Amino acid sequence: MKITNINNILALTLSEIGINKLEIIVIGIVSFIFPILFIIASRNLDSKGVFAWMMEKPNDWIGRK
């Protein structure tokens, strides 16, 4: 019995999947930008910062209305 490479059995080309060059570029850009923006947003939404903002004007935040 000959052992074959698993990639020869299961691999599909991008054209067989239906992904063209533009979609690959968009996926690449989003994959690069998303983690960076997620880290920036996470730093701005820390619990201490949100709590301090809520306590500055307690009558203005949504939970009080």
N, C-alpha and C. Protein backbone atom coordinates (compact mmCIF):
# COMPACT_ATOMS: atom_id res chain seq x y z
N MET A 1 0.84 -1.18 0.00
CA MET A 1 0.00 0.00 0.00
C MET A 1 0.88 1.24 0.00
N LYS A 2 0.63 2.11 -0.93
CA LYS A 2 1.43 3.32 -1.07
C LYS A 2 0.83 4.43 -0.20
N ILE A 3 1.68 5.10 0.58
CA ILE A 3 1.22 6.21 1.41
C ILE A 3 1.26 7.47 0.56
N THR A 4 0.10 8.13 0.45
CA THR A 4 0.03 9.36 -0.35
C THR A 4 0.02 10.56 0.57
N ASN A 5 0.43 11.66 0.02
CA ASN A 5 0.43 12.91 0.76
C ASN A 5 -1.02 13.34 1.00
N ILE A 6 -1.33 13.71 2.23
CA ILE A 6 -2.71 14.10 2.58
C ILE A 6 -3.16 15.34 1.80
N ASN A 7 -2.21 16.22 1.45
CA ASN A 7 -2.57 17.41 0.69
C ASN A 7 -3.07 17.07 -0.71
N ASN A 8 -2.58 15.99 -1.26
CA ASN A 8 -3.05 15.57 -2.59
C ASN A 8 -4.48 15.07 -2.54
N ILE A 9 -4.92 14.62 -1.40
CA ILE A 9 -6.27 14.07 -1.28
C ILE A 9 -7.29 15.16 -0.91
N LEU A 10 -6.93 16.03 0.02
CA LEU A 10 -7.90 16.97 0.57
C LEU A 10 -7.76 18.41 0.08
N ALA A 11 -6.67 18.77 -0.55
CA ALA A 11 -6.44 20.17 -0.91
C ALA A 11 -7.32 20.61 -2.06
N LEU A 12 -7.84 21.82 -1.93
CA LEU A 12 -8.60 22.46 -3.00
C LEU A 12 -7.89 23.75 -3.36
N THR A 13 -7.91 24.08 -4.64
CA THR A 13 -7.33 25.35 -5.03
C THR A 13 -8.30 26.47 -4.68
N LEU A 14 -7.79 27.68 -4.65
CA LEU A 14 -8.65 28.82 -4.31
C LEU A 14 -9.74 29.03 -5.35
N SER A 15 -9.47 28.73 -6.59
CA SER A 15 -10.51 28.88 -7.62
C SER A 15 -11.60 27.82 -7.45
N GLU A 16 -11.25 26.64 -6.96
CA GLU A 16 -12.26 25.62 -6.70
C GLU A 16 -13.14 26.01 -5.51
N ILE A 17 -12.57 26.71 -4.55
CA ILE A 17 -13.34 27.18 -3.41
C ILE A 17 -14.22 28.37 -3.82
N GLY A 18 -13.78 29.11 -4.83
CA GLY A 18 -14.55 30.26 -5.30
C GLY A 18 -14.02 31.58 -4.78
N ILE A 19 -12.75 31.62 -4.41
CA ILE A 19 -12.14 32.84 -3.90
C ILE A 19 -11.23 33.40 -4.99
N ASN A 20 -11.50 34.67 -5.38
CA ASN A 20 -10.64 35.28 -6.39
C ASN A 20 -9.61 36.18 -5.73
N LYS A 21 -8.78 36.83 -6.55
CA LYS A 21 -7.65 37.62 -6.03
C LYS A 21 -8.12 38.78 -5.16
N LEU A 22 -9.19 39.45 -5.54
CA LEU A 22 -9.70 40.58 -4.76
C LEU A 22 -10.12 40.13 -3.36
N GLU A 23 -10.79 39.00 -3.28
CA GLU A 23 -11.23 38.49 -1.98
C GLU A 23 -10.04 38.09 -1.11
N ILE A 24 -9.00 37.55 -1.71
CA ILE A 24 -7.80 37.20 -0.96
C ILE A 24 -7.15 38.46 -0.39
N ILE A 25 -7.10 39.52 -1.20
CA ILE A 25 -6.53 40.79 -0.74
C ILE A 25 -7.35 41.36 0.41
N VAL A 26 -8.68 41.35 0.29
CA VAL A 26 -9.55 41.87 1.35
C VAL A 26 -9.39 41.05 2.63
N ILE A 27 -9.35 39.74 2.53
CA ILE A 27 -9.15 38.87 3.69
C ILE A 27 -7.81 39.17 4.35
N GLY A 28 -6.78 39.37 3.55
CA GLY A 28 -5.46 39.69 4.08
C GLY A 28 -5.44 41.02 4.82
N ILE A 29 -6.06 42.05 4.23
CA ILE A 29 -6.10 43.37 4.87
C ILE A 29 -6.88 43.32 6.17
N VAL A 30 -8.03 42.68 6.16
CA VAL A 30 -8.85 42.58 7.38
C VAL A 30 -8.13 41.76 8.44
N SER A 31 -7.47 40.70 8.03
CA SER A 31 -6.73 39.87 8.99
C SER A 31 -5.59 40.64 9.64
N PHE A 32 -5.04 41.62 8.94
CA PHE A 32 -3.96 42.43 9.48
C PHE A 32 -4.49 43.56 10.36
N ILE A 33 -5.56 44.21 9.94
CA ILE A 33 -6.07 45.40 10.64
C ILE A 33 -6.91 45.03 11.87
N PHE A 34 -7.71 43.98 11.81
CA PHE A 34 -8.63 43.64 12.91
C PHE A 34 -7.93 43.47 14.25
N PRO A 35 -6.87 42.68 14.36
CA PRO A 35 -6.23 42.51 15.68
C PRO A 35 -5.69 43.83 16.24
N ILE A 36 -5.16 44.67 15.36
CA ILE A 36 -4.62 45.96 15.81
C ILE A 36 -5.74 46.82 16.38
N LEU A 37 -6.84 46.93 15.65
CA LEU A 37 -7.97 47.74 16.13
C LEU A 37 -8.62 47.14 17.37
N PHE A 38 -8.63 45.82 17.46
CA PHE A 38 -9.20 45.17 18.63
C PHE A 38 -8.40 45.50 19.88
N ILE A 39 -7.08 45.48 19.76
CA ILE A 39 -6.22 45.82 20.91
C ILE A 39 -6.42 47.27 21.32
N ILE A 40 -6.51 48.16 20.35
CA ILE A 40 -6.73 49.59 20.66
C ILE A 40 -8.07 49.78 21.35
N ALA A 41 -9.11 49.14 20.86
CA ALA A 41 -10.43 49.28 21.46
C ALA A 41 -10.48 48.65 22.85
N SER A 42 -9.78 47.56 23.05
CA SER A 42 -9.78 46.90 24.36
C SER A 42 -9.15 47.78 25.43
N ARG A 43 -8.13 48.51 25.05
CA ARG A 43 -7.49 49.42 26.01
C ARG A 43 -8.43 50.55 26.41
N ASN A 44 -9.28 50.98 25.49
CA ASN A 44 -10.18 52.10 25.77
C ASN A 44 -11.44 51.66 26.50
N LEU A 45 -11.71 50.38 26.57
CA LEU A 45 -12.93 49.88 27.21
C LEU A 45 -12.62 49.08 28.47
N ASP A 46 -11.62 49.49 29.21
CA ASP A 46 -11.32 48.80 30.45
C ASP A 46 -12.40 49.11 31.49
N SER A 47 -12.61 48.22 32.41
CA SER A 47 -13.71 48.36 33.37
C SER A 47 -13.52 49.56 34.28
N LYS A 48 -12.30 49.86 34.66
CA LYS A 48 -12.07 51.01 35.54
C LYS A 48 -12.40 52.31 34.82
N GLY A 49 -12.04 52.40 33.54
CA GLY A 49 -12.34 53.59 32.76
C GLY A 49 -13.83 53.79 32.57
N VAL A 50 -14.54 52.72 32.28
CA VAL A 50 -15.98 52.81 32.10
C VAL A 50 -16.66 53.18 33.42
N PHE A 51 -16.23 52.59 34.51
CA PHE A 51 -16.81 52.90 35.82
C PHE A 51 -16.56 54.37 36.19
N ALA A 52 -15.34 54.85 35.93
CA ALA A 52 -15.03 56.25 36.23
C ALA A 52 -15.89 57.18 35.39
N TRP A 53 -16.10 56.84 34.12
CA TRP A 53 -16.96 57.65 33.25
C TRP A 53 -18.40 57.66 33.77
N MET A 54 -18.88 56.53 34.23
CA MET A 54 -20.25 56.45 34.74
C MET A 54 -20.40 57.26 36.02
N MET A 55 -19.38 57.31 36.85
CA MET A 55 -19.47 58.02 38.12
C MET A 55 -19.27 59.53 37.97
N GLU A 56 -18.73 59.99 36.84
CA GLU A 56 -18.57 61.42 36.63
C GLU A 56 -19.93 62.12 36.57
N LYS A 57 -20.83 61.56 35.81
CA LYS A 57 -22.18 62.10 35.67
C LYS A 57 -23.17 60.94 35.77
N PRO A 58 -23.47 60.52 36.97
CA PRO A 58 -24.29 59.30 37.13
C PRO A 58 -25.72 59.43 36.58
N ASN A 59 -26.20 60.63 36.39
CA ASN A 59 -27.57 60.80 35.86
C ASN A 59 -27.63 60.75 34.35
N ASP A 60 -26.48 60.75 33.69
CA ASP A 60 -26.44 60.79 32.24
C ASP A 60 -26.35 59.43 31.57
N TRP A 61 -25.83 58.43 32.25
CA TRP A 61 -25.66 57.15 31.56
C TRP A 61 -26.96 56.37 31.49
N ILE A 62 -27.04 55.46 30.57
CA ILE A 62 -28.28 54.79 30.19
C ILE A 62 -28.92 54.05 31.37
N GLY A 63 -28.15 53.47 32.24
CA GLY A 63 -28.71 52.70 33.34
C GLY A 63 -29.54 53.53 34.32
N ARG A 64 -29.35 54.82 34.33
CA ARG A 64 -30.09 55.68 35.26
C ARG A 64 -31.39 56.23 34.67
N LYS A 65 -31.56 56.16 33.38
CA LYS A 65 -32.75 56.77 32.75
C LYS A 65 -33.94 55.85 32.82
